[in-house]
Amino acid sequence: MTRYNEVMTNRSQDQGLRTRTDADQRLLVPAVDVIETPETYVLRLDIPGAAKETISVKLEGGVLQVRASITDTARESETVLYSEMRGTGYEREFSLGNGIDRERVDAAYEHGVLTVTLHKSDALKAREIRIQ
């Protein structure tokens, strides 16, 4: 496991093959940037070609799971001769530490990038200690 403070990724997903085959589709492991601010951890996942409606962000227990799929891109008047995008999906999981406020997770999708914002619990936030 690689540790980014309170956000961990499965190292086997980070190295080696970036794709794997599921029963019906080829799954890609999206690239991710993990950014820390004083109040949050921000995950930026590269998910090009996925429609917003196909993206699922699920938090269960201490695991954040991101899934998406690329729908058929061919138009009715087109004949697909060769395709590497059809039947492709994305999947990535992150283990979250106890310092994440599980009630305050936000997600936004724009220009092929999914941004998931994980707010830190009050126990993790830096605070000024007043000297008496």
C-alpha atoms as a PDB file:
ATOM      1  CA  MET A   1       0.000   0.000   0.000  1.00  0.00           C
ATOM      2  CA  THR A   2       1.100   3.519  -0.751  1.00  0.00           C
ATOM      3  CA  ARG A   3       0.112   5.995   1.935  1.00  0.00           C
ATOM      4  CA  TYR A   4      -1.013   9.533   1.181  1.00  0.00           C
ATOM      5  CA  ASN A   5      -1.754  10.475   4.796  1.00  0.00           C
ATOM      6  CA  GLU A   6      -5.402   9.412   5.173  1.00  0.00           C
ATOM      7  CA  VAL A   7      -5.916   8.173   1.588  1.00  0.00           C
ATOM      8  CA  MET A   8      -4.365   4.875   0.495  1.00  0.00           C
ATOM      9  CA  THR A   9      -4.344   3.292  -2.933  1.00  0.00           C
ATOM     10  CA  ASN A  10      -3.826  -0.365  -3.663  1.00  0.00           C
ATOM     11  CA  ARG A  11      -0.265  -0.584  -4.993  1.00  0.00           C
ATOM     12  CA  SER A  12      -1.154  -3.465  -7.330  1.00  0.00           C
ATOM     13  CA  GLN A  13      -3.455  -1.016  -9.126  1.00  0.00           C
ATOM     14  CA  ASP A  14      -0.675   1.556  -9.336  1.00  0.00           C
ATOM     15  CA  GLN A  15       1.948  -0.628 -11.001  1.00  0.00           C
ATOM     16  CA  GLY A  16       2.195  -2.922 -13.975  1.00  0.00           C
ATOM     17  CA  LEU A  17      -0.767  -3.434 -16.224  1.00  0.00           C
ATOM     18  CA  ARG A  18      -3.138  -0.516 -16.398  1.00  0.00           C
ATOM     19  CA  THR A  19      -5.993  -2.686 -17.711  1.00  0.00           C
ATOM     20  CA  ARG A  20      -7.705  -5.879 -16.701  1.00  0.00           C
ATOM     21  CA  THR A  21     -10.501  -7.866 -18.277  1.00  0.00           C
ATOM     22  CA  ASP A  22     -13.770  -8.452 -16.482  1.00  0.00           C
ATOM     23  CA  ALA A  23     -16.495 -10.794 -17.777  1.00  0.00           C
ATOM     24  CA  ASP A  24     -18.001  -8.313 -20.227  1.00  0.00           C
ATOM     25  CA  GLN A  25     -15.680  -5.367 -20.359  1.00  0.00           C
ATOM     26  CA  ARG A  26     -12.105  -4.201 -20.291  1.00  0.00           C
ATOM     27  CA  LEU A  27     -11.442  -2.211 -17.123  1.00  0.00           C
ATOM     28  CA  LEU A  28      -8.914   0.599 -17.006  1.00  0.00           C
ATOM     29  CA  VAL A  29      -7.314   1.881 -13.826  1.00  0.00           C
ATOM     30  CA  PRO A  30      -7.614   5.663 -14.044  1.00  0.00           C
ATOM     31  CA  ALA A  31      -4.580   7.770 -13.220  1.00  0.00           C
ATOM     32  CA  VAL A  32      -5.027   9.806 -10.037  1.00  0.00           C
ATOM     33  CA  ASP A  33      -3.493  12.822  -8.339  1.00  0.00           C
ATOM     34  CA  VAL A  34      -3.941  13.100  -4.559  1.00  0.00           C
ATOM     35  CA  ILE A  35      -3.688  16.653  -3.247  1.00  0.00           C
ATOM     36  CA  GLU A  36      -3.793  17.762   0.387  1.00  0.00           C
ATOM     37  CA  THR A  37      -5.087  21.128   1.539  1.00  0.00           C
ATOM     38  CA  PRO A  38      -5.435  22.253   5.165  1.00  0.00           C
ATOM     39  CA  GLU A  39      -9.136  21.243   5.112  1.00  0.00           C
ATOM     40  CA  THR A  40      -9.367  18.436   2.540  1.00  0.00           C
ATOM     41  CA  TYR A  41      -7.837  15.696   0.436  1.00  0.00           C
ATOM     42  CA  VAL A  42      -8.651  16.062  -3.241  1.00  0.00           C
ATOM     43  CA  LEU A  43      -8.545  13.130  -5.666  1.00  0.00           C
ATOM     44  CA  ARG A  44      -8.422  13.960  -9.370  1.00  0.00           C
ATOM     45  CA  LEU A  45      -9.080  10.916 -11.549  1.00  0.00           C
ATOM     46  CA  ASP A  46      -8.597  10.869 -15.306  1.00  0.00           C
ATOM     47  CA  ILE A  47     -11.755   9.311 -16.797  1.00  0.00           C
ATOM     48  CA  PRO A  48     -11.922  10.431 -20.436  1.00  0.00           C
ATOM     49  CA  GLY A  49     -14.845   9.334 -22.572  1.00  0.00           C
ATOM     50  CA  ALA A  50     -17.176   8.523 -19.673  1.00  0.00           C
ATOM     51  CA  ALA A  51     -20.535  10.267 -19.507  1.00  0.00           C
ATOM     52  CA  LYS A  52     -21.376  11.797 -16.138  1.00  0.00           C
ATOM     53  CA  GLU A  53     -24.407   9.486 -15.869  1.00  0.00           C
ATOM     54  CA  THR A  54     -22.181   6.380 -15.982  1.00  0.00           C
ATOM     55  CA  ILE A  55     -19.920   7.425 -13.096  1.00  0.00           C
ATOM     56  CA  SER A  56     -20.465   5.894  -9.669  1.00  0.00           C
ATOM     57  CA  VAL A  57     -18.683   7.104  -6.531  1.00  0.00           C
ATOM     58  CA  LYS A  58     -19.474   4.878  -3.561  1.00  0.00           C
ATOM     59  CA  LEU A  59     -18.213   5.035   0.008  1.00  0.00           C
ATOM     60  CA  GLU A  60     -18.715   1.852   1.972  1.00  0.00           C
ATOM     61  CA  GLY A  61     -16.974   1.283   5.255  1.00  0.00           C
ATOM     62  CA  GLY A  62     -13.493   2.663   4.796  1.00  0.00           C
ATOM     63  CA  VAL A  63     -13.337   2.118   1.024  1.00  0.00           C
ATOM     64  CA  LEU A  64     -14.053   4.719  -1.648  1.00  0.00           C
ATOM     65  CA  GLN A  65     -14.884   3.042  -4.958  1.00  0.00           C
ATOM     66  CA  VAL A  66     -15.001   4.841  -8.307  1.00  0.00           C
ATOM     67  CA  ARG A  67     -16.513   3.170 -11.369  1.00  0.00           C
ATOM     68  CA  ALA A  68     -17.430   4.486 -14.796  1.00  0.00           C
ATOM     69  CA  SER A  69     -18.119   3.140 -18.244  1.00  0.00           C
ATOM     70  CA  ILE A  70     -17.791   4.336 -21.788  1.00  0.00           C
ATOM     71  CA  THR A  71     -21.043   3.902 -23.641  1.00  0.00           C
ATOM     72  CA  ASP A  72     -21.280   3.020 -27.311  1.00  0.00           C
ATOM     73  CA  THR A  73     -19.860   5.993 -29.208  1.00  0.00           C
ATOM     74  CA  ALA A  74     -21.104   4.983 -32.674  1.00  0.00           C
ATOM     75  CA  ARG A  75     -23.968   6.901 -34.225  1.00  0.00           C
ATOM     76  CA  GLU A  76     -26.853   5.155 -35.900  1.00  0.00           C
ATOM     77  CA  SER A  77     -25.548   6.056 -39.377  1.00  0.00           C
ATOM     78  CA  GLU A  78     -22.045   4.702 -38.645  1.00  0.00           C
ATOM     79  CA  THR A  79     -20.562   1.242 -38.967  1.00  0.00           C
ATOM     80  CA  VAL A  80     -17.834   0.451 -36.437  1.00  0.00           C
ATOM     81  CA  LEU A  81     -14.917  -1.252 -38.170  1.00  0.00           C
ATOM     82  CA  TYR A  82     -12.580  -1.350 -35.175  1.00  0.00           C
ATOM     83  CA  SER A  83     -12.962  -0.095 -31.619  1.00  0.00           C
ATOM     84  CA  GLU A  84     -10.844  -0.079 -28.477  1.00  0.00           C
ATOM     85  CA  MET A  85     -13.242   2.138 -26.534  1.00  0.00           C
ATOM     86  CA  ARG A  86     -16.468   0.131 -26.713  1.00  0.00           C
ATOM     87  CA  GLY A  87     -16.951  -2.128 -23.715  1.00  0.00           C
ATOM     88  CA  THR A  88     -14.408  -0.207 -21.675  1.00  0.00           C
ATOM     89  CA  GLY A  89     -14.865   0.875 -18.095  1.00  0.00           C
ATOM     90  CA  TYR A  90     -12.886   2.423 -15.274  1.00  0.00           C
ATOM     91  CA  GLU A  91     -12.453   1.159 -11.737  1.00  0.00           C
ATOM     92  CA  ARG A  92     -10.342   2.373  -8.810  1.00  0.00           C
ATOM     93  CA  GLU A  93     -10.554   1.898  -5.041  1.00  0.00           C
ATOM     94  CA  PHE A  94      -9.070   3.873  -2.160  1.00  0.00           C
ATOM     95  CA  SER A  95      -8.827   2.921   1.511  1.00  0.00           C
ATOM     96  CA  LEU A  96      -9.651   5.860   3.762  1.00  0.00           C
ATOM     97  CA  GLY A  97      -8.294   6.443   7.244  1.00  0.00           C
ATOM     98  CA  ASN A  98     -10.302   7.527  10.275  1.00  0.00           C
ATOM     99  CA  GLY A  99      -9.414  11.175   9.706  1.00  0.00           C
ATOM    100  CA  ILE A 100     -11.902  11.536   6.840  1.00  0.00           C
ATOM    101  CA  ASP A 101     -15.373  12.951   7.530  1.00  0.00           C
ATOM    102  CA  ARG A 102     -17.470  10.306   5.758  1.00  0.00           C
ATOM    103  CA  GLU A 103     -20.532  12.582   5.786  1.00  0.00           C
ATOM    104  CA  ARG A 104     -18.754  15.268   3.742  1.00  0.00           C
ATOM    105  CA  VAL A 105     -17.584  13.812   0.433  1.00  0.00           C
ATOM    106  CA  ASP A 106     -18.151  15.839  -2.743  1.00  0.00           C
ATOM    107  CA  ALA A 107     -17.680  14.867  -6.392  1.00  0.00           C
ATOM    108  CA  ALA A 108     -17.663  16.849  -9.638  1.00  0.00           C
ATOM    109  CA  TYR A 109     -16.931  15.821 -13.238  1.00  0.00           C
ATOM    110  CA  GLU A 110     -15.673  18.196 -15.899  1.00  0.00           C
ATOM    111  CA  HIS A 111     -13.651  17.744 -19.107  1.00  0.00           C
ATOM    112  CA  GLY A 112     -12.902  14.057 -18.438  1.00  0.00           C
ATOM    113  CA  VAL A 113     -11.616  14.621 -14.894  1.00  0.00           C
ATOM    114  CA  LEU A 114     -13.503  13.422 -11.816  1.00  0.00           C
ATOM    115  CA  THR A 115     -12.682  15.465  -8.719  1.00  0.00           C
ATOM    116  CA  VAL A 116     -13.553  13.882  -5.363  1.00  0.00           C
ATOM    117  CA  THR A 117     -13.134  16.092  -2.310  1.00  0.00           C
ATOM    118  CA  LEU A 118     -12.722  14.356   1.045  1.00  0.00           C
ATOM    119  CA  HIS A 119     -13.096  16.688   3.994  1.00  0.00           C
ATOM    120  CA  LYS A 120     -10.858  16.110   6.983  1.00  0.00           C
ATOM    121  CA  SER A 121     -12.463  15.392  10.326  1.00  0.00           C
ATOM    122  CA  ASP A 122     -11.971  18.086  12.952  1.00  0.00           C
ATOM    123  CA  ALA A 123      -9.418  15.894  14.735  1.00  0.00           C
ATOM    124  CA  LEU A 124      -7.029  16.136  11.745  1.00  0.00           C
ATOM    125  CA  LYS A 125      -7.333  19.855  11.062  1.00  0.00           C
ATOM    126  CA  ALA A 126      -4.542  22.074  12.244  1.00  0.00           C
ATOM    127  CA  ARG A 127      -5.568  24.529  14.913  1.00  0.00           C
ATOM    128  CA  GLU A 128      -3.896  27.343  16.736  1.00  0.00           C
ATOM    129  CA  ILE A 129      -3.287  26.717  20.458  1.00  0.00           C
ATOM    130  CA  ARG A 130      -3.711  29.795  22.562  1.00  0.00           C
ATOM    131  CA  ILE A 131      -0.976  30.310  25.137  1.00  0.00           C
ATOM    132  CA  GLN A 132      -2.266  31.257  28.574  1.00  0.00           C
END
